[in-house]
Amino acid sequence: MTATHQSQLETCIQACLDCLRDCENCATACLDSDMVQMMAECIKLCRDCADTCALCARFMSRNSDLHAQLCGVCAEACTRCAAECEKHDHEHCKRCAASCRRCAESCRQMAAAMA
């Protein structure tokens, strides 16, 4: 593994972990809100994204041969979550959307580098 690839891998792992944290925080805040019914889609997408980010980080950490494909799936989950969170004016949703956008970009780059 080249130093450039190792650096890209570490950056992507950190982006996934940051996104995982922000998605979990967003889902929890939405569940605790008075508008839980209105936030159902946000909660679902945050949970999907958090789980995908966790798995993606694990696969990259062990340099699995499948990590590039999983990065593509993770980028999609992050993009969908960001699009939903951007519909809401809550601070936790804004923070989650920004984190998802960063993670999606990093995962897309990782997937492309391994293609």
C-alpha atoms as a PDB file:
ATOM      1  CA  MET A   1       0.000   0.000   0.000  1.00  0.00           C
ATOM      2  CA  THR A   2       1.380   3.380  -0.998  1.00  0.00           C
ATOM      3  CA  ALA A   3       1.702   6.242   1.470  1.00  0.00           C
ATOM      4  CA  THR A   4      -0.866   8.211  -0.547  1.00  0.00           C
ATOM      5  CA  HIS A   5      -3.371   5.360  -0.383  1.00  0.00           C
ATOM      6  CA  GLN A   6      -2.750   4.933   3.352  1.00  0.00           C
ATOM      7  CA  SER A   7      -3.358   8.640   3.914  1.00  0.00           C
ATOM      8  CA  GLN A   8      -6.540   8.554   1.819  1.00  0.00           C
ATOM      9  CA  LEU A   9      -7.692   5.463   3.729  1.00  0.00           C
ATOM     10  CA  GLU A  10      -7.121   7.141   7.103  1.00  0.00           C
ATOM     11  CA  THR A  11      -8.934  10.288   5.964  1.00  0.00           C
ATOM     12  CA  CYS A  12     -11.905   8.259   4.766  1.00  0.00           C
ATOM     13  CA  ILE A  13     -12.057   6.180   7.950  1.00  0.00           C
ATOM     14  CA  GLN A  14     -12.133   9.377  10.015  1.00  0.00           C
ATOM     15  CA  ALA A  15     -14.832  10.871   7.773  1.00  0.00           C
ATOM     16  CA  CYS A  16     -16.927   7.713   8.269  1.00  0.00           C
ATOM     17  CA  LEU A  17     -16.473   7.812  12.037  1.00  0.00           C
ATOM     18  CA  ASP A  18     -17.364  11.513  12.193  1.00  0.00           C
ATOM     19  CA  CYS A  19     -20.436  10.903  10.052  1.00  0.00           C
ATOM     20  CA  LEU A  20     -21.449   7.909  12.175  1.00  0.00           C
ATOM     21  CA  ARG A  21     -21.324  10.090  15.297  1.00  0.00           C
ATOM     22  CA  ASP A  22     -23.247  12.971  13.711  1.00  0.00           C
ATOM     23  CA  CYS A  23     -25.921  10.660  12.273  1.00  0.00           C
ATOM     24  CA  GLU A  24     -26.436   8.954  15.631  1.00  0.00           C
ATOM     25  CA  ASN A  25     -26.688  12.347  17.347  1.00  0.00           C
ATOM     26  CA  CYS A  26     -29.156  13.596  14.740  1.00  0.00           C
ATOM     27  CA  ALA A  27     -31.351  10.493  14.963  1.00  0.00           C
ATOM     28  CA  THR A  28     -31.392  10.715  18.756  1.00  0.00           C
ATOM     29  CA  ALA A  29     -32.276  14.417  18.690  1.00  0.00           C
ATOM     30  CA  CYS A  30     -35.061  13.746  16.198  1.00  0.00           C
ATOM     31  CA  LEU A  31     -36.414  10.916  18.358  1.00  0.00           C
ATOM     32  CA  ASP A  32     -36.381  13.199  21.388  1.00  0.00           C
ATOM     33  CA  SER A  33     -38.198  16.022  19.604  1.00  0.00           C
ATOM     34  CA  ASP A  34     -41.889  16.854  19.684  1.00  0.00           C
ATOM     35  CA  MET A  35     -41.979  16.327  15.921  1.00  0.00           C
ATOM     36  CA  VAL A  36     -40.840  12.699  15.874  1.00  0.00           C
ATOM     37  CA  GLN A  37     -43.506  11.704  13.326  1.00  0.00           C
ATOM     38  CA  MET A  38     -42.451  14.478  10.951  1.00  0.00           C
ATOM     39  CA  MET A  39     -38.800  13.429  11.346  1.00  0.00           C
ATOM     40  CA  ALA A  40     -39.356   9.713  10.637  1.00  0.00           C
ATOM     41  CA  GLU A  41     -37.572   9.742   7.263  1.00  0.00           C
ATOM     42  CA  CYS A  42     -34.650  11.676   8.732  1.00  0.00           C
ATOM     43  CA  ILE A  43     -34.326   9.138  11.539  1.00  0.00           C
ATOM     44  CA  LYS A  44     -34.447   6.179   9.135  1.00  0.00           C
ATOM     45  CA  LEU A  45     -31.830   7.646   6.804  1.00  0.00           C
ATOM     46  CA  CYS A  46     -29.556   8.674   9.688  1.00  0.00           C
ATOM     47  CA  ARG A  47     -29.671   5.124  11.052  1.00  0.00           C
ATOM     48  CA  ASP A  48     -28.938   3.615   7.631  1.00  0.00           C
ATOM     49  CA  CYS A  49     -26.081   6.038   7.140  1.00  0.00           C
ATOM     50  CA  ALA A  50     -24.604   5.459  10.605  1.00  0.00           C
ATOM     51  CA  ASP A  51     -24.657   1.685  10.152  1.00  0.00           C
ATOM     52  CA  THR A  52     -23.127   1.915   6.682  1.00  0.00           C
ATOM     53  CA  CYS A  53     -20.397   4.269   7.915  1.00  0.00           C
ATOM     54  CA  ALA A  54     -19.547   1.919  10.785  1.00  0.00           C
ATOM     55  CA  LEU A  55     -19.256  -1.076   8.471  1.00  0.00           C
ATOM     56  CA  CYS A  56     -17.294   0.893   5.901  1.00  0.00           C
ATOM     57  CA  ALA A  57     -14.789   2.079   8.529  1.00  0.00           C
ATOM     58  CA  ARG A  58     -14.348  -1.488   9.748  1.00  0.00           C
ATOM     59  CA  PHE A  59     -13.752  -2.818   6.223  1.00  0.00           C
ATOM     60  CA  MET A  60     -11.229  -0.083   5.471  1.00  0.00           C
ATOM     61  CA  SER A  61      -9.487  -0.616   8.823  1.00  0.00           C
ATOM     62  CA  ARG A  62      -8.778  -4.217   7.932  1.00  0.00           C
ATOM     63  CA  ASN A  63      -8.056  -3.372   4.278  1.00  0.00           C
ATOM     64  CA  SER A  64     -10.771  -5.710   3.060  1.00  0.00           C
ATOM     65  CA  ASP A  65     -10.864  -6.381  -0.662  1.00  0.00           C
ATOM     66  CA  LEU A  66     -14.508  -5.257  -0.513  1.00  0.00           C
ATOM     67  CA  HIS A  67     -13.895  -1.830   1.004  1.00  0.00           C
ATOM     68  CA  ALA A  68     -14.013   0.037  -2.311  1.00  0.00           C
ATOM     69  CA  GLN A  69     -17.431  -1.391  -3.146  1.00  0.00           C
ATOM     70  CA  LEU A  70     -18.676  -0.644   0.345  1.00  0.00           C
ATOM     71  CA  CYS A  71     -17.356   2.916   0.023  1.00  0.00           C
ATOM     72  CA  GLY A  72     -19.640   3.329  -2.991  1.00  0.00           C
ATOM     73  CA  VAL A  73     -22.635   2.158  -0.962  1.00  0.00           C
ATOM     74  CA  CYS A  74     -21.611   4.389   1.929  1.00  0.00           C
ATOM     75  CA  ALA A  75     -21.367   7.411  -0.369  1.00  0.00           C
ATOM     76  CA  GLU A  76     -24.923   6.741  -1.538  1.00  0.00           C
ATOM     77  CA  ALA A  77     -26.242   6.362   2.022  1.00  0.00           C
ATOM     78  CA  CYS A  78     -24.500   9.596   3.017  1.00  0.00           C
ATOM     79  CA  THR A  79     -25.881  11.483   0.014  1.00  0.00           C
ATOM     80  CA  ARG A  80     -29.437  10.362   0.774  1.00  0.00           C
ATOM     81  CA  CYS A  81     -29.104  11.257   4.449  1.00  0.00           C
ATOM     82  CA  ALA A  82     -27.625  14.672   3.655  1.00  0.00           C
ATOM     83  CA  ALA A  83     -30.449  15.456   1.225  1.00  0.00           C
ATOM     84  CA  GLU A  84     -33.051  14.671   3.887  1.00  0.00           C
ATOM     85  CA  CYS A  85     -31.262  16.506   6.708  1.00  0.00           C
ATOM     86  CA  GLU A  86     -30.896  19.593   4.502  1.00  0.00           C
ATOM     87  CA  LYS A  87     -34.703  19.847   4.417  1.00  0.00           C
ATOM     88  CA  HIS A  88     -34.756  20.641   8.145  1.00  0.00           C
ATOM     89  CA  ASP A  89     -33.671  23.751  10.003  1.00  0.00           C
ATOM     90  CA  HIS A  90     -32.447  22.022  13.175  1.00  0.00           C
ATOM     91  CA  GLU A  91     -28.798  22.536  14.110  1.00  0.00           C
ATOM     92  CA  HIS A  92     -28.258  18.775  14.525  1.00  0.00           C
ATOM     93  CA  CYS A  93     -29.632  18.195  11.016  1.00  0.00           C
ATOM     94  CA  LYS A  94     -27.355  20.862   9.533  1.00  0.00           C
ATOM     95  CA  ARG A  95     -24.326  19.361  11.272  1.00  0.00           C
ATOM     96  CA  CYS A  96     -25.321  15.873  10.114  1.00  0.00           C
ATOM     97  CA  ALA A  97     -25.829  16.987   6.506  1.00  0.00           C
ATOM     98  CA  ALA A  98     -22.401  18.638   6.390  1.00  0.00           C
ATOM     99  CA  SER A  99     -20.741  15.561   7.861  1.00  0.00           C
ATOM    100  CA  CYS A 100     -22.583  13.317   5.393  1.00  0.00           C
ATOM    101  CA  ARG A 101     -21.468  15.458   2.443  1.00  0.00           C
ATOM    102  CA  ARG A 102     -17.813  15.238   3.577  1.00  0.00           C
ATOM    103  CA  CYS A 103     -18.050  11.486   4.070  1.00  0.00           C
ATOM    104  CA  ALA A 104     -19.779  10.927   0.721  1.00  0.00           C
ATOM    105  CA  GLU A 105     -17.014  12.807  -1.082  1.00  0.00           C
ATOM    106  CA  SER A 106     -14.265  10.918   0.723  1.00  0.00           C
ATOM    107  CA  CYS A 107     -15.941   7.568   0.064  1.00  0.00           C
ATOM    108  CA  ARG A 108     -16.477   8.400  -3.617  1.00  0.00           C
ATOM    109  CA  GLN A 109     -12.773   9.214  -3.921  1.00  0.00           C
ATOM    110  CA  MET A 110     -11.831   5.961  -2.197  1.00  0.00           C
ATOM    111  CA  ALA A 111     -14.140   3.916  -4.407  1.00  0.00           C
ATOM    112  CA  ALA A 112     -12.763   5.606  -7.547  1.00  0.00           C
ATOM    113  CA  ALA A 113      -9.154   5.076  -6.455  1.00  0.00           C
ATOM    114  CA  MET A 114      -9.746   1.353  -6.104  1.00  0.00           C
ATOM    115  CA  ALA A 115     -11.733   0.929  -9.337  1.00  0.00           C
END
